[in-house]
C-alpha atoms as a PDB file:
ATOM      1  CA  UNK A   1      24.166 121.626 146.754  1.00  0.00           C
ATOM      2  CA  UNK A   2      20.415 121.248 146.869  1.00  0.00           C
ATOM      3  CA  UNK A   3      17.886 122.475 144.338  1.00  0.00           C
ATOM      4  CA  UNK A   4      14.830 122.287 146.578  1.00  0.00           C
ATOM      5  CA  UNK A   5      12.701 125.431 146.669  1.00  0.00           C
ATOM      6  CA  UNK A   6      12.717 127.883 149.552  1.00  0.00           C
ATOM      7  CA  UNK A   7       9.579 128.894 151.481  1.00  0.00           C
ATOM      8  CA  UNK A   8       7.417 131.698 150.036  1.00  0.00           C
ATOM      9  CA  UNK A   9       8.846 135.219 149.959  1.00  0.00           C
ATOM     10  CA  UNK A  10       7.788 138.512 148.338  1.00  0.00           C
ATOM     11  CA  UNK A  11       8.209 138.460 144.556  1.00  0.00           C
ATOM     12  CA  UNK A  12       9.794 141.328 142.608  1.00  0.00           C
ATOM     13  CA  UNK A  13       7.394 143.374 140.440  1.00  0.00           C
ATOM     14  CA  UNK A  14       6.484 142.192 136.957  1.00  0.00           C
ATOM     15  CA  UNK A  15       9.265 143.225 134.520  1.00  0.00           C
ATOM     16  CA  UNK A  16       8.809 146.148 132.177  1.00  0.00           C
ATOM     17  CA  UNK A  17       8.794 145.600 128.425  1.00  0.00           C
ATOM     18  CA  UNK A  18      12.442 146.621 128.188  1.00  0.00           C
ATOM     19  CA  UNK A  19      13.397 144.290 131.037  1.00  0.00           C
ATOM     20  CA  UNK A  20      11.437 141.430 129.444  1.00  0.00           C
ATOM     21  CA  UNK A  21      13.250 141.910 126.125  1.00  0.00           C
ATOM     22  CA  UNK A  22      16.563 141.929 127.975  1.00  0.00           C
ATOM     23  CA  UNK A  23      15.422 138.808 129.813  1.00  0.00           C
ATOM     24  CA  UNK A  24      14.747 136.940 126.558  1.00  0.00           C
ATOM     25  CA  UNK A  25      18.204 137.847 125.262  1.00  0.00           C
ATOM     26  CA  UNK A  26      19.858 136.745 128.502  1.00  0.00           C
ATOM     27  CA  UNK A  27      17.965 133.452 128.643  1.00  0.00           C
ATOM     28  CA  UNK A  28      19.021 132.757 125.050  1.00  0.00           C
ATOM     29  CA  UNK A  29      22.625 133.518 125.993  1.00  0.00           C
ATOM     30  CA  UNK A  30      22.379 131.176 129.002  1.00  0.00           C
ATOM     31  CA  UNK A  31      21.098 128.398 126.752  1.00  0.00           C
ATOM     32  CA  UNK A  32      23.934 128.921 124.283  1.00  0.00           C
ATOM     33  CA  UNK A  33      26.547 128.891 127.049  1.00  0.00           C
ATOM     34  CA  UNK A  34      25.062 125.690 128.509  1.00  0.00           C
ATOM     35  CA  UNK A  35      25.231 123.891 125.161  1.00  0.00           C
ATOM     36  CA  UNK A  36      28.759 125.039 124.323  1.00  0.00           C
ATOM     37  CA  UNK A  37      29.859 124.581 127.939  1.00  0.00           C
ATOM     38  CA  UNK A  38      28.571 121.015 128.125  1.00  0.00           C
ATOM     39  CA  UNK A  39      30.518 120.124 124.986  1.00  0.00           C
ATOM     40  CA  UNK A  40      33.657 121.825 126.327  1.00  0.00           C
ATOM     41  CA  UNK A  41      33.502 120.148 129.748  1.00  0.00           C
ATOM     42  CA  UNK A  42      32.780 116.687 128.328  1.00  0.00           C
ATOM     43  CA  UNK A  43      35.573 117.077 125.752  1.00  0.00           C
ATOM     44  CA  UNK A  44      38.007 118.294 128.408  1.00  0.00           C
ATOM     45  CA  UNK A  45      37.157 115.237 130.526  1.00  0.00           C
ATOM     46  CA  UNK A  46      38.964 113.140 127.908  1.00  0.00           C
ATOM     47  CA  UNK A  47      42.217 115.090 128.292  1.00  0.00           C
ATOM     48  CA  UNK A  48      45.038 113.803 130.529  1.00  0.00           C
ATOM     49  CA  UNK A  49      46.874 115.641 133.277  1.00  0.00           C
ATOM     50  CA  UNK A  50      45.943 117.770 136.276  1.00  0.00           C
ATOM     51  CA  UNK A  51      47.290 121.312 135.736  1.00  0.00           C
ATOM     52  CA  UNK A  52      47.265 123.200 138.999  1.00  0.00           C
ATOM     53  CA  UNK A  53      45.972 120.064 140.762  1.00  0.00           C
ATOM     54  CA  UNK A  54      42.642 120.042 138.882  1.00  0.00           C
ATOM     55  CA  UNK A  55      41.505 118.054 135.861  1.00  0.00           C
ATOM     56  CA  UNK A  56      41.057 119.891 132.528  1.00  0.00           C
ATOM     57  CA  UNK A  57      37.287 119.395 132.787  1.00  0.00           C
ATOM     58  CA  UNK A  58      37.298 121.124 136.202  1.00  0.00           C
ATOM     59  CA  UNK A  59      39.125 124.129 134.763  1.00  0.00           C
ATOM     60  CA  UNK A  60      36.714 124.182 131.817  1.00  0.00           C
ATOM     61  CA  UNK A  61      33.825 124.313 134.303  1.00  0.00           C
ATOM     62  CA  UNK A  62      35.331 127.428 135.887  1.00  0.00           C
ATOM     63  CA  UNK A  63      35.127 129.161 132.516  1.00  0.00           C
ATOM     64  CA  UNK A  64      31.568 127.945 131.974  1.00  0.00           C
ATOM     65  CA  UNK A  65      30.479 129.243 135.403  1.00  0.00           C
ATOM     66  CA  UNK A  66      31.963 132.667 134.687  1.00  0.00           C
ATOM     67  CA  UNK A  67      30.315 132.743 131.262  1.00  0.00           C
ATOM     68  CA  UNK A  68      26.914 131.808 132.738  1.00  0.00           C
ATOM     69  CA  UNK A  69      27.103 134.564 135.338  1.00  0.00           C
ATOM     70  CA  UNK A  70      28.079 136.996 132.605  1.00  0.00           C
ATOM     71  CA  UNK A  71      25.205 135.845 130.385  1.00  0.00           C
ATOM     72  CA  UNK A  72      22.773 136.558 133.239  1.00  0.00           C
ATOM     73  CA  UNK A  73      24.328 139.945 133.910  1.00  0.00           C
ATOM     74  CA  UNK A  74      25.443 138.916 137.407  1.00  0.00           C
ATOM     75  CA  UNK A  75      28.475 140.695 138.858  1.00  0.00           C
ATOM     76  CA  UNK A  76      30.687 138.546 141.082  1.00  0.00           C
ATOM     77  CA  UNK A  77      32.403 140.028 144.135  1.00  0.00           C
ATOM     78  CA  UNK A  78      34.943 137.896 146.007  1.00  0.00           C
ATOM     79  CA  UNK A  79      36.300 138.545 149.508  1.00  0.00           C
ATOM     80  CA  UNK A  80      39.039 136.293 150.844  1.00  0.00           C
ATOM     81  CA  UNK A  81      39.655 134.780 147.442  1.00  0.00           C
ATOM     82  CA  UNK A  82      43.242 133.821 148.303  1.00  0.00           C
ATOM     83  CA  UNK A  83      42.021 131.650 151.189  1.00  0.00           C
ATOM     84  CA  UNK A  84      39.539 129.876 148.918  1.00  0.00           C
ATOM     85  CA  UNK A  85      42.142 129.382 146.196  1.00  0.00           C
ATOM     86  CA  UNK A  86      44.627 127.816 148.620  1.00  0.00           C
ATOM     87  CA  UNK A  87      42.177 125.633 150.565  1.00  0.00           C
ATOM     88  CA  UNK A  88      42.259 121.835 150.564  1.00  0.00           C
ATOM     89  CA  UNK A  89      39.499 119.832 152.215  1.00  0.00           C
ATOM     90  CA  UNK A  90      35.830 120.818 152.544  1.00  0.00           C
ATOM     91  CA  UNK A  91      34.054 124.064 151.689  1.00  0.00           C
ATOM     92  CA  UNK A  92      30.805 124.580 153.618  1.00  0.00           C
ATOM     93  CA  UNK A  93      28.748 127.395 152.108  1.00  0.00           C
ATOM     94  CA  UNK A  94      25.536 129.203 152.942  1.00  0.00           C
ATOM     95  CA  UNK A  95      22.864 128.518 150.323  1.00  0.00           C
ATOM     96  CA  UNK A  96      20.588 131.508 149.623  1.00  0.00           C
ATOM     97  CA  UNK A  97      20.023 130.950 145.895  1.00  0.00           C
ATOM     98  CA  UNK A  98      20.341 128.719 142.850  1.00  0.00           C
ATOM     99  CA  UNK A  99      23.324 130.835 141.752  1.00  0.00           C
ATOM    100  CA  UNK A 100      25.550 129.662 144.623  1.00  0.00           C
ATOM    101  CA  UNK A 101      27.344 126.775 142.861  1.00  0.00           C
ATOM    102  CA  UNK A 102      28.089 129.047 139.890  1.00  0.00           C
ATOM    103  CA  UNK A 103      29.450 131.823 142.118  1.00  0.00           C
ATOM    104  CA  UNK A 104      31.754 129.384 143.925  1.00  0.00           C
ATOM    105  CA  UNK A 105      32.848 127.581 140.788  1.00  0.00           C
ATOM    106  CA  UNK A 106      33.694 130.881 139.093  1.00  0.00           C
ATOM    107  CA  UNK A 107      36.409 131.407 141.736  1.00  0.00           C
ATOM    108  CA  UNK A 108      38.187 128.043 141.506  1.00  0.00           C
ATOM    109  CA  UNK A 109      37.688 124.356 140.617  1.00  0.00           C
ATOM    110  CA  UNK A 110      35.440 122.554 143.109  1.00  0.00           C
ATOM    111  CA  UNK A 111      33.502 119.312 143.394  1.00  0.00           C
ATOM    112  CA  UNK A 112      30.026 119.355 144.892  1.00  0.00           C
ATOM    113  CA  UNK A 113      27.715 117.176 146.911  1.00  0.00           C
ATOM    114  CA  UNK A 114      24.368 117.489 145.144  1.00  0.00           C
ATOM    115  CA  UNK A 115      20.848 116.109 145.358  1.00  0.00           C
ATOM    116  CA  UNK A 116      20.339 113.099 143.093  1.00  0.00           C
ATOM    117  CA  UNK A 117      17.893 115.103 140.967  1.00  0.00           C
ATOM    118  CA  UNK A 118      20.730 117.282 139.643  1.00  0.00           C
ATOM    119  CA  UNK A 119      22.058 114.268 137.718  1.00  0.00           C
ATOM    120  CA  UNK A 120      18.837 114.193 135.643  1.00  0.00           C
ATOM    121  CA  UNK A 121      18.892 117.866 134.603  1.00  0.00           C
ATOM    122  CA  UNK A 122      19.477 118.410 130.865  1.00  0.00           C
ATOM    123  CA  UNK A 123      23.054 119.556 130.084  1.00  0.00           C
ATOM    124  CA  UNK A 124      23.730 120.377 133.749  1.00  0.00           C
ATOM    125  CA  UNK A 125      23.596 116.717 134.823  1.00  0.00           C
ATOM    126  CA  UNK A 126      26.225 115.419 132.382  1.00  0.00           C
ATOM    127  CA  UNK A 127      28.510 118.343 133.217  1.00  0.00           C
ATOM    128  CA  UNK A 128      28.116 117.788 136.953  1.00  0.00           C
ATOM    129  CA  UNK A 129      28.886 114.099 136.587  1.00  0.00           C
ATOM    130  CA  UNK A 130      31.972 114.823 134.461  1.00  0.00           C
ATOM    131  CA  UNK A 131      33.231 117.084 137.258  1.00  0.00           C
ATOM    132  CA  UNK A 132      33.055 114.283 139.812  1.00  0.00           C
ATOM    133  CA  UNK A 133      29.930 115.532 141.593  1.00  0.00           C
ATOM    134  CA  UNK A 134      28.817 113.286 144.450  1.00  0.00           C
ATOM    135  CA  UNK A 135      25.078 112.589 144.555  1.00  0.00           C
ATOM    136  CA  UNK A 136      22.812 112.046 147.539  1.00  0.00           C
ATOM    137  CA  UNK A 137      19.358 110.464 147.241  1.00  0.00           C
ATOM    138  CA  UNK A 138      17.539 111.987 150.203  1.00  0.00           C
ATOM    139  CA  UNK A 139      15.482 109.628 152.316  1.00  0.00           C
ATOM    140  CA  UNK A 140      17.548 106.551 151.435  1.00  0.00           C
ATOM    141  CA  UNK A 141      19.892 105.470 154.195  1.00  0.00           C
ATOM    142  CA  UNK A 142      22.163 103.421 151.937  1.00  0.00           C
ATOM    143  CA  UNK A 143      22.615 106.414 149.619  1.00  0.00           C
ATOM    144  CA  UNK A 144      23.573 108.576 152.594  1.00  0.00           C
ATOM    145  CA  UNK A 145      26.195 106.091 153.754  1.00  0.00           C
ATOM    146  CA  UNK A 146      27.609 105.775 150.238  1.00  0.00           C
ATOM    147  CA  UNK A 147      27.790 109.549 149.966  1.00  0.00           C
ATOM    148  CA  UNK A 148      29.604 109.835 153.294  1.00  0.00           C
ATOM    149  CA  UNK A 149      32.162 107.232 152.217  1.00  0.00           C
ATOM    150  CA  UNK A 150      32.580 108.928 148.835  1.00  0.00           C
ATOM    151  CA  UNK A 151      33.117 112.313 150.510  1.00  0.00           C
ATOM    152  CA  UNK A 152      35.885 110.918 152.697  1.00  0.00           C
ATOM    153  CA  UNK A 153      37.543 109.293 149.700  1.00  0.00           C
ATOM    154  CA  UNK A 154      37.174 112.435 147.561  1.00  0.00           C
ATOM    155  CA  UNK A 155      39.037 114.747 149.946  1.00  0.00           C
ATOM    156  CA  UNK A 156      41.747 112.137 150.481  1.00  0.00           C
ATOM    157  CA  UNK A 157      42.354 111.518 146.770  1.00  0.00           C
ATOM    158  CA  UNK A 158      42.398 115.019 145.268  1.00  0.00           C
ATOM    159  CA  UNK A 159      43.516 118.542 146.208  1.00  0.00           C
ATOM    160  CA  UNK A 160      40.288 119.926 144.720  1.00  0.00           C
ATOM    161  CA  UNK A 161      37.961 120.771 147.645  1.00  0.00           C
ATOM    162  CA  UNK A 162      34.499 119.286 148.031  1.00  0.00           C
ATOM    163  CA  UNK A 163      31.805 121.931 148.492  1.00  0.00           C
ATOM    164  CA  UNK A 164      28.455 121.337 150.144  1.00  0.00           C
ATOM    165  CA  UNK A 165      25.669 123.291 151.823  1.00  0.00           C
ATOM    166  CA  UNK A 166      25.164 122.002 155.396  1.00  0.00           C
ATOM    167  CA  UNK A 167      21.769 123.747 155.520  1.00  0.00           C
ATOM    168  CA  UNK A 168      20.505 120.954 153.246  1.00  0.00           C
ATOM    169  CA  UNK A 169      18.376 123.279 151.097  1.00  0.00           C
ATOM    170  CA  UNK A 170      18.170 126.838 149.846  1.00  0.00           C
ATOM    171  CA  UNK A 171      17.308 129.354 152.549  1.00  0.00           C
ATOM    172  CA  UNK A 172      14.984 132.347 152.300  1.00  0.00           C
ATOM    173  CA  UNK A 173      17.631 134.278 154.260  1.00  0.00           C
ATOM    174  CA  UNK A 174      18.997 136.593 155.264  1.00  0.00           C
ATOM    175  CA  UNK A 175      20.657 134.198 157.746  1.00  0.00           C
ATOM    176  CA  UNK A 176      21.370 130.492 157.465  1.00  0.00           C
ATOM    177  CA  UNK A 177      19.030 127.659 158.393  1.00  0.00           C
ATOM    178  CA  UNK A 178      20.147 125.329 161.219  1.00  0.00           C
ATOM    179  CA  UNK A 179      23.189 123.413 159.958  1.00  0.00           C
ATOM    180  CA  UNK A 180      23.019 119.637 159.737  1.00  0.00           C
ATOM    181  CA  UNK A 181      25.518 117.852 161.971  1.00  0.00           C
ATOM    182  CA  UNK A 182      26.164 115.012 159.511  1.00  0.00           C
ATOM    183  CA  UNK A 183      28.328 117.216 157.298  1.00  0.00           C
ATOM    184  CA  UNK A 184      30.592 118.054 160.229  1.00  0.00           C
ATOM    185  CA  UNK A 185      30.797 114.398 161.245  1.00  0.00           C
ATOM    186  CA  UNK A 186      32.028 113.463 157.755  1.00  0.00           C
ATOM    187  CA  UNK A 187      34.643 116.226 157.784  1.00  0.00           C
ATOM    188  CA  UNK A 188      35.811 115.131 161.237  1.00  0.00           C
ATOM    189  CA  UNK A 189      36.038 111.488 160.124  1.00  0.00           C
ATOM    190  CA  UNK A 190      38.087 112.543 157.092  1.00  0.00           C
ATOM    191  CA  UNK A 191      40.360 114.711 159.240  1.00  0.00           C
ATOM    192  CA  UNK A 192      39.940 117.501 156.695  1.00  0.00           C
ATOM    193  CA  UNK A 193      39.695 121.229 157.477  1.00  0.00           C
ATOM    194  CA  UNK A 194      36.502 123.117 156.659  1.00  0.00           C
ATOM    195  CA  UNK A 195      36.542 126.543 155.040  1.00  0.00           C
ATOM    196  CA  UNK A 196      33.295 128.434 155.626  1.00  0.00           C
ATOM    197  CA  UNK A 197      32.001 130.573 152.765  1.00  0.00           C
ATOM    198  CA  UNK A 198      29.171 133.074 153.241  1.00  0.00           C
ATOM    199  CA  UNK A 199      27.251 133.672 150.013  1.00  0.00           C
ATOM    200  CA  UNK A 200      24.820 136.486 149.428  1.00  0.00           C
ATOM    201  CA  UNK A 201      22.988 137.887 146.413  1.00  0.00           C
ATOM    202  CA  UNK A 202      21.422 141.323 146.076  1.00  0.00           C
ATOM    203  CA  UNK A 203      18.621 141.894 145.333  1.00  0.00           C
ATOM    204  CA  UNK A 204      17.841 138.638 147.114  1.00  0.00           C
ATOM    205  CA  UNK A 205      14.188 138.295 146.111  1.00  0.00           C
ATOM    206  CA  UNK A 206      15.122 137.735 142.463  1.00  0.00           C
ATOM    207  CA  UNK A 207      17.171 134.611 143.118  1.00  0.00           C
ATOM    208  CA  UNK A 208      14.921 132.781 145.601  1.00  0.00           C
ATOM    209  CA  UNK A 209      13.431 129.540 144.301  1.00  0.00           C
ATOM    210  CA  UNK A 210       9.953 129.470 145.797  1.00  0.00           C
ATOM    211  CA  UNK A 211       7.840 126.473 146.699  1.00  0.00           C
ATOM    212  CA  UNK A 212       5.962 125.099 143.684  1.00  0.00           C
ATOM    213  CA  UNK A 213       8.173 126.806 141.083  1.00  0.00           C
ATOM    214  CA  UNK A 214      10.263 125.312 138.314  1.00  0.00           C
ATOM    215  CA  UNK A 215      13.898 126.403 138.263  1.00  0.00           C
ATOM    216  CA  UNK A 216      13.090 128.461 135.180  1.00  0.00           C
ATOM    217  CA  UNK A 217      11.112 130.916 137.361  1.00  0.00           C
ATOM    218  CA  UNK A 218      14.056 132.318 139.379  1.00  0.00           C
ATOM    219  CA  UNK A 219      16.196 132.165 136.239  1.00  0.00           C
ATOM    220  CA  UNK A 220      13.684 134.420 134.502  1.00  0.00           C
ATOM    221  CA  UNK A 221      13.553 136.836 137.462  1.00  0.00           C
ATOM    222  CA  UNK A 222      17.342 137.115 137.396  1.00  0.00           C
ATOM    223  CA  UNK A 223      17.485 137.669 133.637  1.00  0.00           C
ATOM    224  CA  UNK A 224      14.429 139.933 133.190  1.00  0.00           C
ATOM    225  CA  UNK A 225      15.742 143.003 134.988  1.00  0.00           C
ATOM    226  CA  UNK A 226      17.532 146.243 134.193  1.00  0.00           C
ATOM    227  CA  UNK A 227      19.236 146.954 137.525  1.00  0.00           C
ATOM    228  CA  UNK A 228      22.430 145.393 138.885  1.00  0.00           C
ATOM    229  CA  UNK A 229      22.590 142.005 140.572  1.00  0.00           C
ATOM    230  CA  UNK A 230      25.649 141.208 142.673  1.00  0.00           C
ATOM    231  CA  UNK A 231      26.683 137.796 144.021  1.00  0.00           C
ATOM    232  CA  UNK A 232      29.190 138.016 146.884  1.00  0.00           C
ATOM    233  CA  UNK A 233      31.494 135.187 147.937  1.00  0.00           C
ATOM    234  CA  UNK A 234      33.106 135.663 151.381  1.00  0.00           C
ATOM    235  CA  UNK A 235      35.656 133.078 152.492  1.00  0.00           C
ATOM    236  CA  UNK A 236      35.942 133.096 156.292  1.00  0.00           C
ATOM    237  CA  UNK A 237      39.328 132.471 157.861  1.00  0.00           C
ATOM    238  CA  UNK A 238      40.571 130.618 159.785  1.00  0.00           C
ATOM    239  CA  UNK A 239      39.458 127.181 158.610  1.00  0.00           C
ATOM    240  CA  UNK A 240      37.259 125.265 161.025  1.00  0.00           C
ATOM    241  CA  UNK A 241      38.150 122.048 162.836  1.00  0.00           C
ATOM    242  CA  UNK A 242      34.978 119.999 162.312  1.00  0.00           C
ATOM    243  CA  UNK A 243      35.920 117.580 165.068  1.00  0.00           C
ATOM    244  CA  UNK A 244      35.920 120.218 167.776  1.00  0.00           C
ATOM    245  CA  UNK A 245      32.905 120.171 170.124  1.00  0.00           C
ATOM    246  CA  UNK A 246      30.314 122.729 169.044  1.00  0.00           C
ATOM    247  CA  UNK A 247      31.781 123.053 165.524  1.00  0.00           C
ATOM    248  CA  UNK A 248      28.357 123.229 163.840  1.00  0.00           C
ATOM    249  CA  UNK A 249      27.126 125.929 166.222  1.00  0.00           C
ATOM    250  CA  UNK A 250      30.334 127.896 165.691  1.00  0.00           C
ATOM    251  CA  UNK A 251      29.982 127.604 161.919  1.00  0.00           C
ATOM    252  CA  UNK A 252      26.384 128.813 162.083  1.00  0.00           C
ATOM    253  CA  UNK A 253      27.411 131.774 164.226  1.00  0.00           C
ATOM    254  CA  UNK A 254      30.297 132.749 161.931  1.00  0.00           C
ATOM    255  CA  UNK A 255      28.211 132.477 158.771  1.00  0.00           C
ATOM    256  CA  UNK A 256      25.415 134.574 160.243  1.00  0.00           C
ATOM    257  CA  UNK A 257      27.904 137.171 161.469  1.00  0.00           C
ATOM    258  CA  UNK A 258      29.414 137.415 157.973  1.00  0.00           C
ATOM    259  CA  UNK A 259      25.916 137.864 156.552  1.00  0.00           C
ATOM    260  CA  UNK A 260      25.154 140.619 159.061  1.00  0.00           C
ATOM    261  CA  UNK A 261      22.602 138.580 161.023  1.00  0.00           C
ATOM    262  CA  UNK A 262      22.541 138.890 164.800  1.00  0.00           C
ATOM    263  CA  UNK A 263      21.949 135.669 166.752  1.00  0.00           C
ATOM    264  CA  UNK A 264      18.503 135.303 168.258  1.00  0.00           C
ATOM    265  CA  UNK A 265      18.413 135.486 172.065  1.00  0.00           C
ATOM    266  CA  UNK A 266      18.299 132.044 173.665  1.00  0.00           C
ATOM    267  CA  UNK A 267      16.845 130.989 176.981  1.00  0.00           C
ATOM    268  CA  UNK A 268      19.276 129.441 179.441  1.00  0.00           C
ATOM    269  CA  UNK A 269      18.372 126.502 181.575  1.00  0.00           C
ATOM    270  CA  UNK A 270      20.861 125.167 184.098  1.00  0.00           C
ATOM    271  CA  UNK A 271      23.757 126.364 181.981  1.00  0.00           C
ATOM    272  CA  UNK A 272      23.140 123.653 179.371  1.00  0.00           C
ATOM    273  CA  UNK A 273      22.673 124.310 175.680  1.00  0.00           C
ATOM    274  CA  UNK A 274      20.664 121.872 173.558  1.00  0.00           C
ATOM    275  CA  UNK A 275      22.442 120.511 170.532  1.00  0.00           C
END
């Protein structure tokens, strides 16, 4: 999970007065849910047991994610939910918007690999840490190696899947950015299956986080509207063997196909394909 902005893209029109009023009410509701949710998740982290294989704090986070989507007026559509519910290992998801972690977490308990900056976000950071989020400080080799070791240990020690975005950042869409091979190497080293999840949000231009913006900007665009906004979670079966040659290219192809994006034509040279 990365909270780095996407490249520029067309903005939606300025909201009407009615949409702006609705936006204020929704933003207030989001703030209230964050405060109550942070208290609930941190309190649940003190409870013993693992009902259904997940800690009480992880189940509390599922409720918080659903409440946040509801507060923003976002409708969640899930395809292949049974596959996501039953999966153990890694979940690799496309990353078109800042809503993606919420959409995934609203389906089932998950742990995330996130940029180190997430830890410093008010309310969100403490909740993420209580859920066992793994942090990566980009640009620091030792942090990357620690994260890789922690990912291997996480999937071996708990039935709760670890979710990450192999694109490494949010994408302007509609297709995925080139997937980073390191994520597949970690999954192969752990011997854990990878479930691909294609995420999409319509209308897409409301959820993009553009270069130079604070996160509050896309939040406002999502809240200050009168029309519907639908987040779709598509779990793609079968699970992927990350250790198979060409696994990253196959994952990219399958995600783009699920998102309705045709592959770009490639030039062939001596029958070899560059990695």
